[in-house]
């Protein structure tokens, strides 16, 4: 889901393999790439998003998956790795 209720849009990302309904991550458009007055973008080259603090974000930041963010600065690799972990946990429990 995208929330464009401020100059810095936020994105709610939830895996279909999440253990709980409330398990989700929130990302925010970086401030330097915020939408300016009259909808003009301050920059068009966005290479990252800010991960917002939440209980779930703190939890996944303690996993091996988070190395893709902390070491490699790759949110796509992080979400792919997290998805595979959640998938494995779901299918192993079934």
Protein backbone atom coordinates (compact mmCIF):
# COMPACT_ATOMS: atom_id res chain seq x y z
CA UNK A 1 0.00 0.00 0.00
CA UNK A 2 1.13 3.55 -0.64
CA UNK A 3 0.25 6.46 1.61
CA UNK A 4 0.78 9.82 -0.08
CA UNK A 5 -0.56 11.87 2.81
CA UNK A 6 2.61 13.94 3.22
CA UNK A 7 5.52 15.24 1.18
CA UNK A 8 7.30 11.94 1.88
CA UNK A 9 5.11 9.08 0.65
CA UNK A 10 5.18 5.91 2.73
CA UNK A 11 4.90 2.33 1.52
CA UNK A 12 3.49 -0.56 3.56
CA UNK A 13 4.95 -3.92 2.52
CA UNK A 14 3.48 -7.16 3.82
CA UNK A 15 4.42 -10.67 2.77
CA UNK A 16 1.71 -13.14 1.88
CA UNK A 17 3.78 -15.59 3.95
CA UNK A 18 3.83 -13.42 7.10
CA UNK A 19 3.08 -15.25 10.32
CA UNK A 20 0.79 -12.50 11.65
CA UNK A 21 -1.54 -10.02 9.97
CA UNK A 22 0.25 -7.09 11.64
CA UNK A 23 3.71 -8.18 10.39
CA UNK A 24 4.66 -5.56 7.83
CA UNK A 25 7.43 -3.13 6.98
CA UNK A 26 6.98 0.57 6.35
CA UNK A 27 9.27 2.44 3.99
CA UNK A 28 9.38 6.19 3.40
CA UNK A 29 10.56 8.18 0.45
CA UNK A 30 13.83 9.86 1.55
CA UNK A 31 13.47 13.50 2.52
CA UNK A 32 15.83 14.75 -0.19
CA UNK A 33 13.54 13.11 -2.76
CA UNK A 34 10.31 14.42 -1.29
CA UNK A 35 7.58 15.92 -3.43
CA UNK A 36 7.86 19.69 -3.44
CA UNK A 37 5.18 22.33 -3.87
CA UNK A 38 2.79 21.83 -6.76
CA UNK A 39 3.88 18.19 -6.94
CA UNK A 40 7.32 18.92 -8.39
CA UNK A 41 9.92 16.33 -7.47
CA UNK A 42 13.09 17.64 -5.88
CA UNK A 43 15.01 14.83 -7.58
CA UNK A 44 14.06 12.01 -9.91
CA UNK A 45 16.89 9.59 -9.09
CA UNK A 46 15.75 7.61 -6.06
CA UNK A 47 18.08 4.75 -5.19
CA UNK A 48 16.86 3.98 -1.67
CA UNK A 49 13.98 4.19 0.76
CA UNK A 50 14.03 4.77 4.50
CA UNK A 51 12.93 1.77 6.58
CA UNK A 52 10.72 3.05 9.39
CA UNK A 53 10.99 1.71 12.92
CA UNK A 54 8.39 -0.82 14.10
CA UNK A 55 8.39 -3.97 16.24
CA UNK A 56 8.51 -6.12 13.08
CA UNK A 57 11.33 -4.05 11.56
CA UNK A 58 13.34 -4.42 14.77
CA UNK A 59 12.70 -8.17 14.69
CA UNK A 60 13.81 -8.70 11.10
CA UNK A 61 16.81 -6.40 11.59
CA UNK A 62 18.21 -9.11 13.88
CA UNK A 63 18.08 -11.76 11.14
CA UNK A 64 20.61 -12.75 8.50
CA UNK A 65 18.26 -11.32 5.86
CA UNK A 66 19.02 -7.80 7.07
CA UNK A 67 22.62 -8.05 5.86
CA UNK A 68 21.29 -7.20 2.41
CA UNK A 69 20.31 -3.79 3.78
CA UNK A 70 23.14 -3.13 6.23
CA UNK A 71 26.03 -4.41 4.09
CA UNK A 72 24.82 -4.24 0.50
CA UNK A 73 22.23 -1.44 0.71
CA UNK A 74 19.76 -3.51 -1.31
CA UNK A 75 16.10 -3.43 -0.31
CA UNK A 76 15.08 -5.72 -3.23
CA UNK A 77 17.58 -8.39 -2.13
CA UNK A 78 16.44 -7.97 1.50
CA UNK A 79 12.75 -8.39 0.68
CA UNK A 80 13.50 -11.37 -1.59
CA UNK A 81 15.55 -13.05 1.13
CA UNK A 82 12.91 -12.30 3.77
CA UNK A 83 10.20 -13.71 1.47
CA UNK A 84 12.15 -16.94 1.00
CA UNK A 85 12.66 -17.29 4.76
CA UNK A 86 8.96 -16.70 5.46
CA UNK A 87 8.02 -19.12 2.67
CA UNK A 88 10.30 -21.82 4.09
CA UNK A 89 8.90 -21.27 7.59
CA UNK A 90 5.33 -21.51 6.29
CA UNK A 91 5.85 -24.62 4.18
CA UNK A 92 7.93 -26.40 6.84
CA UNK A 93 5.16 -25.85 9.39
CA UNK A 94 2.47 -27.18 7.08
